Each structure stands twice: as C-alpha cells, then as structure tokens.
Amino acid sequence: MTSRKLEKYELILDAALKVIAENGFHGSQISKIAKEAGVADGTIYLYFKNKEDILISLFQERLGNLVGMFHSSIKESSTAEDALRKVCEIHFTELENNVNLAYVTQIELRQSSLELRKAIGLVVKPYIQLIEHIVERGKTEGSFRKELDAKLTRLLIFGAMDEVVTSWLISGRKYSLSAQVDKTVEFFLKGLK
C-alpha cells in the first residue's frame, strides 16, 4: 500500500474503532464509519469488503501491534516471571489508554456472530501462544512448576486478564486498570510456582 492509501486505511480503522465502541458493532453502519473518517461511503469499500471485514482488520492491526509490543518486551525480560509481568502491564496499560479498543475487544467481540468470533480467534491465537511460551520458559527455568499444563495455563492467564479488563469497563472505569498489574501478577505467580 502506498503511504497515502495506508494513511486512509488507518484513518478508517480509527474511525471504525470509535464508532463501534460508541454504537456497538450492530449499531455501526458503514455510513457512520465513513462520516467519522471524513471519507465517502464508497471509499470504505475500496479497503474493506464489509463491516465484518473492518472489525477483523481492526483486530488484526491493533492486536497485532500489541503482540509486537509483547514480543519486544519479552526479548528484554531476564526471566519468565518478568516476561509475564510485562505482558500483563502492557495489556492493562494499553487498554486503559485506549478505552475504545478495550470496549471493542472486551464487549463487542462477545456479541459478534460465531463466524466472526472464529476469525478474530485466529488473530488472538499468537497472543495466547506467546503466553504459552512464557509458561514453558518458566518451567524450563524452574521458576514455574514442571507439571503445569502449558496449554490450559495459557488460557487461564489470558482469561483472567480478560476478565479484569471487562470488570473495569463494566464498573465504569472507576479505578486504574494499570494499578491492577501487581495484584494480578502476584496471583498468577502463586499459582505457577
């Protein structure tokens, strides 16, 4: 994509994120997204097949960026415990700083069709695999119990972080999400050791 096309693509994704967070996926028409992006309705179709394609692309781009951040931070981590802390910290901090993304990933995903959830599940898979890698690393280092089932443990960790974010949103964001990192990681480590 040329830089101008990439800029418009990102503009549409940003607009979609805002519109979907405010109106829900089903209440977000292409025309609303186009208006928010400042483009003609037809322009949307130059970049996306339909509204579902926009949502999947949104997850691919935004979660892809998060996974990239996770990978970078993990390379700098000296231990699995440190890597787990960094993942939790990035997860909570990034979603706290981008409430629209938090709403779309936490609330809208659960209200989407099964087919759409499956497509988005493929986007989330690298994140879950990254958590599994941290668990395996901890087992190898000896900081996590050897008998841990890495595949189950990765889901428990991901699910717990997911629930903390969802509860924060449902509460009306009455407290700092990023302030929950220490207690969350402490809970994980007590179960992993």
Protein backbone atom coordinates (compact mmCIF):
# COMPACT_ATOMS: atom_id res chain seq x y z
CA MET A 1 0.00 0.00 0.00
CA THR A 2 1.24 3.49 -0.77
CA SER A 3 1.72 5.80 2.18
CA ARG A 4 -1.41 7.77 1.22
CA LYS A 5 -3.53 4.60 0.97
CA LEU A 6 -2.07 3.31 4.23
CA GLU A 7 -2.92 6.62 5.89
CA LYS A 8 -6.55 6.39 4.69
CA TYR A 9 -6.73 2.72 5.75
CA GLU A 10 -5.58 3.67 9.26
CA LEU A 11 -7.99 6.61 9.32
CA ILE A 12 -10.88 4.28 8.52
CA LEU A 13 -9.79 1.79 11.18
CA ASP A 14 -9.51 4.55 13.79
CA ALA A 15 -12.97 5.81 12.83
CA ALA A 16 -14.39 2.28 12.97
CA LEU A 17 -12.90 1.74 16.41
CA LYS A 18 -14.55 4.91 17.71
CA VAL A 19 -17.91 4.28 16.03
CA ILE A 20 -18.11 0.62 17.11
CA ALA A 21 -17.09 1.48 20.68
CA GLU A 22 -19.81 4.15 20.85
CA ASN A 23 -22.63 2.37 18.96
CA GLY A 24 -21.83 -1.32 19.17
CA PHE A 25 -20.99 -3.43 16.14
CA HIS A 26 -24.61 -3.92 15.07
CA GLY A 27 -25.42 -0.24 15.51
CA SER A 28 -22.45 0.90 13.44
CA GLN A 29 -23.30 1.45 9.82
CA ILE A 30 -20.68 1.89 7.13
CA SER A 31 -22.05 5.41 6.61
CA LYS A 32 -21.28 6.31 10.27
CA ILE A 33 -17.75 4.98 9.93
CA ALA A 34 -17.24 6.87 6.66
CA LYS A 35 -18.56 10.10 8.20
CA GLU A 36 -16.25 9.74 11.22
CA ALA A 37 -13.30 9.07 8.89
CA GLY A 38 -14.23 12.00 6.66
CA VAL A 39 -14.50 9.85 3.53
CA ALA A 40 -17.28 8.90 1.14
CA ASP A 41 -19.20 5.70 1.91
CA GLY A 42 -17.86 4.10 -1.27
CA THR A 43 -14.28 4.74 -0.21
CA ILE A 44 -14.70 2.25 2.62
CA TYR A 45 -15.32 -0.49 0.05
CA LEU A 46 -12.00 0.23 -1.65
CA TYR A 47 -10.32 -1.03 1.52
CA PHE A 48 -12.82 -3.45 3.09
CA LYS A 49 -15.39 -5.96 1.81
CA ASN A 50 -17.95 -5.22 4.51
CA LYS A 51 -18.39 -4.24 8.15
CA GLU A 52 -17.22 -7.67 9.36
CA ASP A 53 -14.01 -7.26 7.35
CA ILE A 54 -13.44 -3.91 9.06
CA LEU A 55 -13.81 -5.50 12.51
CA ILE A 56 -11.47 -8.38 11.65
CA SER A 57 -8.92 -5.94 10.20
CA LEU A 58 -9.24 -3.82 13.31
CA PHE A 59 -8.38 -6.81 15.48
CA GLN A 60 -5.53 -7.84 13.16
CA GLU A 61 -3.96 -4.40 13.21
CA ARG A 62 -4.50 -3.37 16.82
CA LEU A 63 -3.91 -6.76 18.43
CA GLY A 64 -1.02 -7.31 16.03
CA ASN A 65 0.54 -4.12 17.39
CA LEU A 66 0.02 -5.35 20.96
CA VAL A 67 1.58 -8.73 20.19
CA GLY A 68 4.54 -6.90 18.65
CA MET A 69 4.93 -4.91 21.86
CA PHE A 70 4.75 -8.12 23.88
CA HIS A 71 7.46 -9.77 21.79
CA SER A 72 9.76 -6.76 22.12
CA SER A 73 9.33 -6.57 25.88
CA ILE A 74 9.81 -10.32 26.34
CA LYS A 75 13.14 -10.21 24.50
CA GLU A 76 14.31 -7.76 27.15
CA SER A 77 13.00 -9.91 30.02
CA SER A 78 15.54 -11.84 32.00
CA THR A 79 13.05 -14.34 33.46
CA ALA A 80 9.64 -15.82 32.71
CA GLU A 81 8.25 -14.03 35.76
CA ASP A 82 9.48 -10.71 34.37
CA ALA A 83 8.04 -11.56 30.93
CA LEU A 84 4.64 -12.37 32.44
CA ARG A 85 4.67 -9.08 34.37
CA LYS A 86 5.49 -7.13 31.20
CA VAL A 87 2.70 -8.81 29.23
CA CYS A 88 0.16 -8.02 31.96
CA GLU A 89 1.47 -4.47 32.26
CA ILE A 90 1.25 -3.82 28.52
CA HIS A 91 -2.18 -5.47 28.29
CA PHE A 92 -3.69 -3.37 31.07
CA THR A 93 -1.89 -0.12 30.24
CA GLU A 94 -2.63 -0.17 26.52
CA LEU A 95 -6.32 -0.93 27.03
CA GLU A 96 -6.59 1.69 29.77
CA ASN A 97 -5.03 4.23 27.41
CA ASN A 98 -7.30 3.22 24.53
CA VAL A 99 -10.76 2.78 26.01
CA ASN A 100 -12.36 2.40 22.57
CA LEU A 101 -10.11 -0.58 21.85
CA ALA A 102 -10.96 -2.01 25.27
CA TYR A 103 -14.70 -1.75 24.56
CA VAL A 104 -14.40 -3.33 21.14
CA THR A 105 -12.14 -6.20 22.26
CA GLN A 106 -13.97 -6.92 25.51
CA ILE A 107 -17.62 -6.18 24.82
CA GLU A 108 -18.25 -6.26 21.08
CA LEU A 109 -16.34 -9.47 20.43
CA ARG A 110 -18.70 -11.37 22.70
CA GLN A 111 -21.75 -10.08 20.86
CA SER A 112 -20.49 -10.97 17.38
CA SER A 113 -21.56 -13.96 15.30
CA LEU A 114 -19.81 -17.30 15.75
CA GLU A 115 -18.10 -16.96 12.36
CA LEU A 116 -16.78 -13.52 13.24
CA ARG A 117 -15.57 -14.73 16.66
CA LYS A 118 -13.73 -17.61 14.95
CA ALA A 119 -11.99 -15.23 12.54
CA ILE A 120 -10.99 -12.94 15.41
CA GLY A 121 -9.89 -16.00 17.40
CA LEU A 122 -7.25 -16.62 14.73
CA VAL A 123 -5.97 -13.10 15.34
CA VAL A 124 -5.81 -13.68 19.13
CA LYS A 125 -4.01 -17.04 18.73
CA PRO A 126 -0.45 -15.58 18.54
CA TYR A 127 -1.07 -13.76 21.83
CA ILE A 128 -2.19 -16.95 23.54
CA GLN A 129 0.80 -18.81 22.08
CA LEU A 130 3.08 -16.11 23.45
CA ILE A 131 1.68 -16.70 26.94
CA GLU A 132 2.23 -20.44 26.47
CA HIS A 133 5.86 -19.73 25.54
CA ILE A 134 6.30 -17.76 28.79
CA VAL A 135 4.82 -20.65 30.79
CA GLU A 136 7.16 -23.14 29.07
CA ARG A 137 10.10 -20.81 29.70
CA GLY A 138 9.21 -20.63 33.38
CA LYS A 139 9.02 -24.43 33.58
CA THR A 140 12.44 -24.71 31.92
CA GLU A 141 13.95 -22.07 34.22
CA GLY A 142 12.48 -23.87 37.23
CA SER A 143 10.54 -20.82 38.39
CA PHE A 144 7.19 -22.43 37.44
CA ARG A 145 6.05 -25.92 38.41
CA LYS A 146 7.14 -28.59 35.92
CA GLU A 147 3.76 -30.35 35.98
CA LEU A 148 1.83 -27.29 34.73
CA ASP A 149 -0.26 -27.94 31.65
CA ALA A 150 1.01 -25.06 29.48
CA LYS A 151 -2.00 -25.07 27.14
CA LEU A 152 -4.52 -24.87 29.98
CA THR A 153 -2.39 -22.39 31.94
CA ARG A 154 -2.12 -20.01 28.97
CA LEU A 155 -5.92 -19.91 28.73
CA LEU A 156 -6.31 -19.33 32.47
CA ILE A 157 -3.84 -16.43 32.37
CA PHE A 158 -5.39 -14.88 29.27
CA GLY A 159 -8.90 -15.38 30.63
CA ALA A 160 -8.04 -13.81 33.97
CA MET A 161 -6.54 -10.71 32.34
CA ASP A 162 -9.52 -10.54 30.00
CA GLU A 163 -11.94 -10.64 32.94
CA VAL A 164 -10.05 -7.93 34.84
CA VAL A 165 -10.39 -5.62 31.82
CA THR A 166 -14.07 -6.47 31.32
CA SER A 167 -14.85 -5.83 35.01
CA TRP A 168 -13.01 -2.50 34.81
CA LEU A 169 -15.15 -1.46 31.84
CA ILE A 170 -18.42 -2.64 33.40
CA SER A 171 -17.61 -0.76 36.62
CA GLY A 172 -17.45 2.45 34.60
CA ARG A 173 -13.65 2.61 34.86
CA LYS A 174 -13.88 3.80 38.47
CA TYR A 175 -10.31 2.74 39.23
CA SER A 176 -7.00 2.46 37.42
CA LEU A 177 -6.67 -0.68 35.32
CA SER A 178 -2.88 -0.44 35.21
CA ALA A 179 -2.84 -0.30 39.03
CA GLN A 180 -4.15 -3.90 38.98
CA VAL A 181 -0.94 -5.30 37.45
CA ASP A 182 0.91 -6.09 40.70
CA LYS A 183 -2.00 -7.91 42.35
CA THR A 184 -2.79 -9.80 39.13
CA VAL A 185 0.78 -10.95 38.58
CA GLU A 186 1.13 -11.87 42.27
CA PHE A 187 -1.97 -14.07 41.89
CA PHE A 188 -0.57 -15.72 38.74
CA LEU A 189 2.82 -16.39 40.30
CA LYS A 190 1.32 -18.01 43.41
CA GLY A 191 -0.46 -20.46 41.13
CA LEU A 192 2.50 -21.05 38.82
CA LYS A 193 5.20 -21.75 41.42
